[in-house]
């Protein structure tokens, strides 16, 4: 399911397609970025027929699309369908912003070194779904967030940028995660701007910008 195509914008701006499944706060940070942007949010896609992220996109006049796993014969067919829809918006960069499905090799091959994700820890520490809780359980004094390029692993791709967040003695999972999310939104906007403003290279696990 798709909505209207993107409106005309300056040709110099790079097209960013955001994939999201939930509240859309990372997406909103990109939409609200007040600085002169070298990118446009060209479309927002989801694996769900409805979610707040799609509502945020529609409110901002950004085209949306849905690609549900249930509508495809298997996971690989879903990856192919998702890649076709994403590519239809001429995506220069794909941002997974709270996208709750793992994209596979077929999707990643369509956008080599161009799929970006954010994670609420200083990777490689605490990958997976429960990073803030794992950080608290481990007793670390410093955690944070990481923006990285997606590969075939779980939160394992080349790291683009990181930002530290101190762990307070009175933190619980909710309070720590909320402070990490504030840092994560700012860092993601900075990284998307940097990667769309300048060229970048990936050599092994190292990402060099400019």
C-alpha atoms as a PDB file:
ATOM      1  CA  UNK A   1       0.000   0.000   0.000  1.00  0.00           C
ATOM      2  CA  UNK A   2       1.434   3.389  -0.931  1.00  0.00           C
ATOM      3  CA  UNK A   3       0.391   6.985  -0.672  1.00  0.00           C
ATOM      4  CA  UNK A   4       1.153   9.827  -3.054  1.00  0.00           C
ATOM      5  CA  UNK A   5       4.691  10.256  -4.454  1.00  0.00           C
ATOM      6  CA  UNK A   6       7.035  12.799  -2.873  1.00  0.00           C
ATOM      7  CA  UNK A   7       6.657  16.450  -3.823  1.00  0.00           C
ATOM      8  CA  UNK A   8       9.364  18.244  -5.781  1.00  0.00           C
ATOM      9  CA  UNK A   9      12.273  19.508  -3.660  1.00  0.00           C
ATOM     10  CA  UNK A  10      15.784  20.841  -4.409  1.00  0.00           C
ATOM     11  CA  UNK A  11      17.692  18.355  -6.524  1.00  0.00           C
ATOM     12  CA  UNK A  12      20.781  18.732  -4.326  1.00  0.00           C
ATOM     13  CA  UNK A  13      19.049  17.157  -1.314  1.00  0.00           C
ATOM     14  CA  UNK A  14      19.580  13.428  -0.834  1.00  0.00           C
ATOM     15  CA  UNK A  15      16.560  11.158  -0.455  1.00  0.00           C
ATOM     16  CA  UNK A  16      16.236   9.444   2.927  1.00  0.00           C
ATOM     17  CA  UNK A  17      13.641   6.712   3.326  1.00  0.00           C
ATOM     18  CA  UNK A  18      12.760   5.969   6.949  1.00  0.00           C
ATOM     19  CA  UNK A  19      11.403   2.564   8.006  1.00  0.00           C
ATOM     20  CA  UNK A  20       9.545   2.521  11.323  1.00  0.00           C
ATOM     21  CA  UNK A  21       7.144   0.325  13.274  1.00  0.00           C
ATOM     22  CA  UNK A  22       6.255   2.320  16.366  1.00  0.00           C
ATOM     23  CA  UNK A  23       6.011   5.751  17.920  1.00  0.00           C
ATOM     24  CA  UNK A  24       8.182   7.526  15.363  1.00  0.00           C
ATOM     25  CA  UNK A  25      10.178   9.732  17.740  1.00  0.00           C
ATOM     26  CA  UNK A  26      13.407   9.156  15.776  1.00  0.00           C
ATOM     27  CA  UNK A  27      11.548  10.009  12.585  1.00  0.00           C
ATOM     28  CA  UNK A  28      10.177  13.153  14.217  1.00  0.00           C
ATOM     29  CA  UNK A  29      13.705  14.252  15.095  1.00  0.00           C
ATOM     30  CA  UNK A  30      14.633  14.061  11.411  1.00  0.00           C
ATOM     31  CA  UNK A  31      11.471  15.890  10.378  1.00  0.00           C
ATOM     32  CA  UNK A  32      12.009  18.629  12.985  1.00  0.00           C
ATOM     33  CA  UNK A  33      15.695  19.234  12.279  1.00  0.00           C
ATOM     34  CA  UNK A  34      15.773  23.056  11.973  1.00  0.00           C
ATOM     35  CA  UNK A  35      19.191  23.327  10.335  1.00  0.00           C
ATOM     36  CA  UNK A  36      19.612  23.595   6.547  1.00  0.00           C
ATOM     37  CA  UNK A  37      19.388  19.949   5.579  1.00  0.00           C
ATOM     38  CA  UNK A  38      21.347  18.146   2.857  1.00  0.00           C
ATOM     39  CA  UNK A  39      18.571  15.529   2.872  1.00  0.00           C
ATOM     40  CA  UNK A  40      14.828  15.207   2.583  1.00  0.00           C
ATOM     41  CA  UNK A  41      12.667  12.524   4.189  1.00  0.00           C
ATOM     42  CA  UNK A  42      11.369  11.207   0.885  1.00  0.00           C
ATOM     43  CA  UNK A  43       9.078   8.545   2.343  1.00  0.00           C
ATOM     44  CA  UNK A  44       8.273   6.585   5.488  1.00  0.00           C
ATOM     45  CA  UNK A  45       7.565   2.864   5.303  1.00  0.00           C
ATOM     46  CA  UNK A  46       6.334   0.380   7.864  1.00  0.00           C
ATOM     47  CA  UNK A  47       5.723  -3.323   8.303  1.00  0.00           C
ATOM     48  CA  UNK A  48       2.390  -2.363   9.899  1.00  0.00           C
ATOM     49  CA  UNK A  49      -0.772  -1.052   8.296  1.00  0.00           C
ATOM     50  CA  UNK A  50      -0.968   1.688  10.896  1.00  0.00           C
ATOM     51  CA  UNK A  51       1.324   3.088  13.575  1.00  0.00           C
ATOM     52  CA  UNK A  52       2.122   6.514  15.042  1.00  0.00           C
ATOM     53  CA  UNK A  53       5.205   6.837  12.812  1.00  0.00           C
ATOM     54  CA  UNK A  54       3.015   6.708   9.700  1.00  0.00           C
ATOM     55  CA  UNK A  55       0.705   9.267  11.272  1.00  0.00           C
ATOM     56  CA  UNK A  56       3.654  11.588  11.923  1.00  0.00           C
ATOM     57  CA  UNK A  57       4.762  11.245   8.302  1.00  0.00           C
ATOM     58  CA  UNK A  58       1.291  11.983   6.968  1.00  0.00           C
ATOM     59  CA  UNK A  59       0.977  15.025   9.233  1.00  0.00           C
ATOM     60  CA  UNK A  60       4.239  16.333   7.765  1.00  0.00           C
ATOM     61  CA  UNK A  61       3.094  15.696   4.183  1.00  0.00           C
ATOM     62  CA  UNK A  62       5.604  12.871   3.684  1.00  0.00           C
ATOM     63  CA  UNK A  63       4.542   9.907   1.491  1.00  0.00           C
ATOM     64  CA  UNK A  64       4.050   6.597   3.281  1.00  0.00           C
ATOM     65  CA  UNK A  65       3.944   2.932   2.363  1.00  0.00           C
ATOM     66  CA  UNK A  66       3.245  -0.365   4.094  1.00  0.00           C
ATOM     67  CA  UNK A  67       4.914  -3.710   3.416  1.00  0.00           C
ATOM     68  CA  UNK A  68       3.560  -6.448   5.689  1.00  0.00           C
ATOM     69  CA  UNK A  69       5.185  -9.853   6.032  1.00  0.00           C
ATOM     70  CA  UNK A  70       1.714 -11.441   6.102  1.00  0.00           C
ATOM     71  CA  UNK A  71       1.100 -10.236   2.544  1.00  0.00           C
ATOM     72  CA  UNK A  72       4.084 -12.171   1.145  1.00  0.00           C
ATOM     73  CA  UNK A  73       4.797 -15.853   0.579  1.00  0.00           C
ATOM     74  CA  UNK A  74       7.912 -15.871   2.747  1.00  0.00           C
ATOM     75  CA  UNK A  75      10.472 -13.626   4.402  1.00  0.00           C
ATOM     76  CA  UNK A  76      12.655 -13.369   1.296  1.00  0.00           C
ATOM     77  CA  UNK A  77       9.674 -12.280  -0.802  1.00  0.00           C
ATOM     78  CA  UNK A  78       8.929  -9.643   1.842  1.00  0.00           C
ATOM     79  CA  UNK A  79      12.522  -8.396   1.683  1.00  0.00           C
ATOM     80  CA  UNK A  80      12.274  -8.126  -2.099  1.00  0.00           C
ATOM     81  CA  UNK A  81       8.978  -6.273  -1.880  1.00  0.00           C
ATOM     82  CA  UNK A  82      10.321  -3.917   0.777  1.00  0.00           C
ATOM     83  CA  UNK A  83      13.395  -3.219  -1.338  1.00  0.00           C
ATOM     84  CA  UNK A  84      11.295  -2.421  -4.414  1.00  0.00           C
ATOM     85  CA  UNK A  85       9.057  -0.024  -2.492  1.00  0.00           C
ATOM     86  CA  UNK A  86      12.005   1.672  -0.806  1.00  0.00           C
ATOM     87  CA  UNK A  87      13.893   2.019  -4.083  1.00  0.00           C
ATOM     88  CA  UNK A  88      10.834   3.542  -5.743  1.00  0.00           C
ATOM     89  CA  UNK A  89      11.526   6.706  -3.736  1.00  0.00           C
ATOM     90  CA  UNK A  90      15.118   6.866  -5.057  1.00  0.00           C
ATOM     91  CA  UNK A  91      16.565   6.212  -1.619  1.00  0.00           C
ATOM     92  CA  UNK A  92      20.122   7.459  -1.187  1.00  0.00           C
ATOM     93  CA  UNK A  93      20.035   6.372   2.458  1.00  0.00           C
ATOM     94  CA  UNK A  94      17.678   4.103   4.393  1.00  0.00           C
ATOM     95  CA  UNK A  95      17.160   4.748   8.116  1.00  0.00           C
ATOM     96  CA  UNK A  96      15.714   2.072  10.387  1.00  0.00           C
ATOM     97  CA  UNK A  97      14.017   4.155  13.065  1.00  0.00           C
ATOM     98  CA  UNK A  98      12.414   1.744  15.489  1.00  0.00           C
ATOM     99  CA  UNK A  99      11.776  -0.745  12.680  1.00  0.00           C
ATOM    100  CA  UNK A 100      10.928  -3.966  14.500  1.00  0.00           C
ATOM    101  CA  UNK A 101      11.683  -6.439  11.711  1.00  0.00           C
ATOM    102  CA  UNK A 102      15.125  -7.660  10.720  1.00  0.00           C
ATOM    103  CA  UNK A 103      15.935  -6.873   7.109  1.00  0.00           C
ATOM    104  CA  UNK A 104      17.708  -9.672   5.283  1.00  0.00           C
ATOM    105  CA  UNK A 105      20.449 -10.078   2.681  1.00  0.00           C
ATOM    106  CA  UNK A 106      18.106  -9.385  -0.251  1.00  0.00           C
ATOM    107  CA  UNK A 107      17.166  -5.983   1.146  1.00  0.00           C
ATOM    108  CA  UNK A 108      20.706  -5.099   2.215  1.00  0.00           C
ATOM    109  CA  UNK A 109      22.092  -6.027  -1.213  1.00  0.00           C
ATOM    110  CA  UNK A 110      19.769  -3.452  -2.779  1.00  0.00           C
ATOM    111  CA  UNK A 111      21.278  -0.691  -0.587  1.00  0.00           C
ATOM    112  CA  UNK A 112      24.920  -1.644   0.075  1.00  0.00           C
ATOM    113  CA  UNK A 113      26.382   0.330   3.006  1.00  0.00           C
ATOM    114  CA  UNK A 114      23.338   2.606   2.859  1.00  0.00           C
ATOM    115  CA  UNK A 115      21.126   1.191   5.629  1.00  0.00           C
ATOM    116  CA  UNK A 116      21.512   3.013   8.940  1.00  0.00           C
ATOM    117  CA  UNK A 117      20.296   1.999  12.380  1.00  0.00           C
ATOM    118  CA  UNK A 118      20.550   3.312  15.941  1.00  0.00           C
ATOM    119  CA  UNK A 119      20.992   1.254  19.115  1.00  0.00           C
ATOM    120  CA  UNK A 120      20.731   2.288  22.801  1.00  0.00           C
ATOM    121  CA  UNK A 121      24.187   1.181  23.944  1.00  0.00           C
ATOM    122  CA  UNK A 122      27.835   1.717  23.135  1.00  0.00           C
ATOM    123  CA  UNK A 123      28.210  -1.233  20.790  1.00  0.00           C
ATOM    124  CA  UNK A 124      29.638  -3.841  20.810  1.00  0.00           C
ATOM    125  CA  UNK A 125      28.454  -3.773  24.425  1.00  0.00           C
ATOM    126  CA  UNK A 126      24.877  -4.886  25.051  1.00  0.00           C
ATOM    127  CA  UNK A 127      23.441  -5.726  21.617  1.00  0.00           C
ATOM    128  CA  UNK A 128      19.865  -6.955  21.345  1.00  0.00           C
ATOM    129  CA  UNK A 129      16.477  -5.857  22.574  1.00  0.00           C
ATOM    130  CA  UNK A 130      17.222  -5.062  26.239  1.00  0.00           C
ATOM    131  CA  UNK A 131      20.336  -2.892  26.139  1.00  0.00           C
ATOM    132  CA  UNK A 132      19.453  -0.373  28.915  1.00  0.00           C
ATOM    133  CA  UNK A 133      18.367  -3.181  31.249  1.00  0.00           C
ATOM    134  CA  UNK A 134      21.519  -5.137  30.446  1.00  0.00           C
ATOM    135  CA  UNK A 135      23.659  -2.068  31.164  1.00  0.00           C
ATOM    136  CA  UNK A 136      22.030  -1.572  34.560  1.00  0.00           C
ATOM    137  CA  UNK A 137      22.320  -5.251  35.442  1.00  0.00           C
ATOM    138  CA  UNK A 138      26.003  -5.223  34.518  1.00  0.00           C
ATOM    139  CA  UNK A 139      26.624  -2.184  36.720  1.00  0.00           C
ATOM    140  CA  UNK A 140      28.351  -0.041  34.106  1.00  0.00           C
ATOM    141  CA  UNK A 141      28.891   3.630  34.899  1.00  0.00           C
ATOM    142  CA  UNK A 142      28.710   4.739  31.279  1.00  0.00           C
ATOM    143  CA  UNK A 143      26.510   3.613  28.418  1.00  0.00           C
ATOM    144  CA  UNK A 144      25.072   5.526  25.462  1.00  0.00           C
ATOM    145  CA  UNK A 145      23.954   5.097  21.879  1.00  0.00           C
ATOM    146  CA  UNK A 146      25.454   3.986  18.588  1.00  0.00           C
ATOM    147  CA  UNK A 147      24.552   4.766  14.986  1.00  0.00           C
ATOM    148  CA  UNK A 148      25.824   2.077  12.634  1.00  0.00           C
ATOM    149  CA  UNK A 149      25.513   0.675   9.145  1.00  0.00           C
ATOM    150  CA  UNK A 150      23.461  -2.504   9.055  1.00  0.00           C
ATOM    151  CA  UNK A 151      25.020  -5.778   7.980  1.00  0.00           C
ATOM    152  CA  UNK A 152      23.851  -9.359   8.349  1.00  0.00           C
ATOM    153  CA  UNK A 153      24.487  -9.513  12.097  1.00  0.00           C
ATOM    154  CA  UNK A 154      22.508  -8.391  15.134  1.00  0.00           C
ATOM    155  CA  UNK A 155      23.592  -4.809  15.947  1.00  0.00           C
ATOM    156  CA  UNK A 156      26.955  -5.769  14.473  1.00  0.00           C
ATOM    157  CA  UNK A 157      27.596  -3.466  11.495  1.00  0.00           C
ATOM    158  CA  UNK A 158      30.315  -0.832  11.075  1.00  0.00           C
ATOM    159  CA  UNK A 159      29.989   1.952  13.641  1.00  0.00           C
ATOM    160  CA  UNK A 160      29.487   5.476  12.300  1.00  0.00           C
ATOM    161  CA  UNK A 161      29.182   7.435  15.560  1.00  0.00           C
ATOM    162  CA  UNK A 162      28.600   7.007  19.283  1.00  0.00           C
ATOM    163  CA  UNK A 163      27.589   9.211  22.204  1.00  0.00           C
ATOM    164  CA  UNK A 164      28.095   8.464  25.873  1.00  0.00           C
ATOM    165  CA  UNK A 165      25.377   8.712  28.529  1.00  0.00           C
ATOM    166  CA  UNK A 166      26.359   8.428  32.241  1.00  0.00           C
ATOM    167  CA  UNK A 167      24.467   5.920  34.378  1.00  0.00           C
ATOM    168  CA  UNK A 168      23.131   7.505  37.564  1.00  0.00           C
ATOM    169  CA  UNK A 169      22.964   5.698  40.891  1.00  0.00           C
ATOM    170  CA  UNK A 170      19.186   6.182  41.029  1.00  0.00           C
ATOM    171  CA  UNK A 171      18.506   5.114  37.428  1.00  0.00           C
ATOM    172  CA  UNK A 172      15.960   2.491  36.543  1.00  0.00           C
ATOM    173  CA  UNK A 173      15.470   1.053  33.074  1.00  0.00           C
ATOM    174  CA  UNK A 174      12.885   3.682  32.096  1.00  0.00           C
ATOM    175  CA  UNK A 175      14.884   6.702  33.260  1.00  0.00           C
ATOM    176  CA  UNK A 176      18.129   5.490  31.708  1.00  0.00           C
ATOM    177  CA  UNK A 177      16.464   4.557  28.426  1.00  0.00           C
ATOM    178  CA  UNK A 178      14.767   7.952  28.194  1.00  0.00           C
ATOM    179  CA  UNK A 179      18.078   9.814  28.533  1.00  0.00           C
ATOM    180  CA  UNK A 180      19.670   7.500  25.972  1.00  0.00           C
ATOM    181  CA  UNK A 181      16.801   8.175  23.542  1.00  0.00           C
ATOM    182  CA  UNK A 182      17.363  11.939  23.829  1.00  0.00           C
ATOM    183  CA  UNK A 183      21.016  11.454  22.882  1.00  0.00           C
ATOM    184  CA  UNK A 184      20.075   8.940  20.195  1.00  0.00           C
ATOM    185  CA  UNK A 185      17.725  11.336  18.416  1.00  0.00           C
ATOM    186  CA  UNK A 186      20.349  14.096  18.294  1.00  0.00           C
ATOM    187  CA  UNK A 187      23.095  11.734  17.159  1.00  0.00           C
ATOM    188  CA  UNK A 188      20.965  10.185  14.423  1.00  0.00           C
ATOM    189  CA  UNK A 189      20.118  13.602  12.950  1.00  0.00           C
ATOM    190  CA  UNK A 190      23.810  14.565  12.972  1.00  0.00           C
ATOM    191  CA  UNK A 191      24.855  11.317  11.275  1.00  0.00           C
ATOM    192  CA  UNK A 192      22.166  11.462   8.586  1.00  0.00           C
ATOM    193  CA  UNK A 193      23.183  15.037   7.814  1.00  0.00           C
ATOM    194  CA  UNK A 194      26.872  14.099   7.669  1.00  0.00           C
ATOM    195  CA  UNK A 195      26.365  11.060   5.435  1.00  0.00           C
ATOM    196  CA  UNK A 196      24.152  12.964   3.005  1.00  0.00           C
ATOM    197  CA  UNK A 197      26.310  16.087   2.925  1.00  0.00           C
ATOM    198  CA  UNK A 198      29.605  14.352   2.173  1.00  0.00           C
ATOM    199  CA  UNK A 199      30.784  11.140   0.601  1.00  0.00           C
ATOM    200  CA  UNK A 200      31.785   8.313   2.921  1.00  0.00           C
ATOM    201  CA  UNK A 201      33.716   5.084   2.579  1.00  0.00           C
ATOM    202  CA  UNK A 202      33.503   1.795   4.426  1.00  0.00           C
ATOM    203  CA  UNK A 203      36.724  -0.155   4.812  1.00  0.00           C
ATOM    204  CA  UNK A 204      36.224  -3.288   6.848  1.00  0.00           C
ATOM    205  CA  UNK A 205      34.636  -2.017  10.048  1.00  0.00           C
ATOM    206  CA  UNK A 206      35.788   1.582   9.634  1.00  0.00           C
ATOM    207  CA  UNK A 207      33.521   4.320   8.279  1.00  0.00           C
ATOM    208  CA  UNK A 208      35.267   7.478   7.043  1.00  0.00           C
ATOM    209  CA  UNK A 209      33.246  10.576   6.167  1.00  0.00           C
ATOM    210  CA  UNK A 210      34.495  13.166   3.725  1.00  0.00           C
END
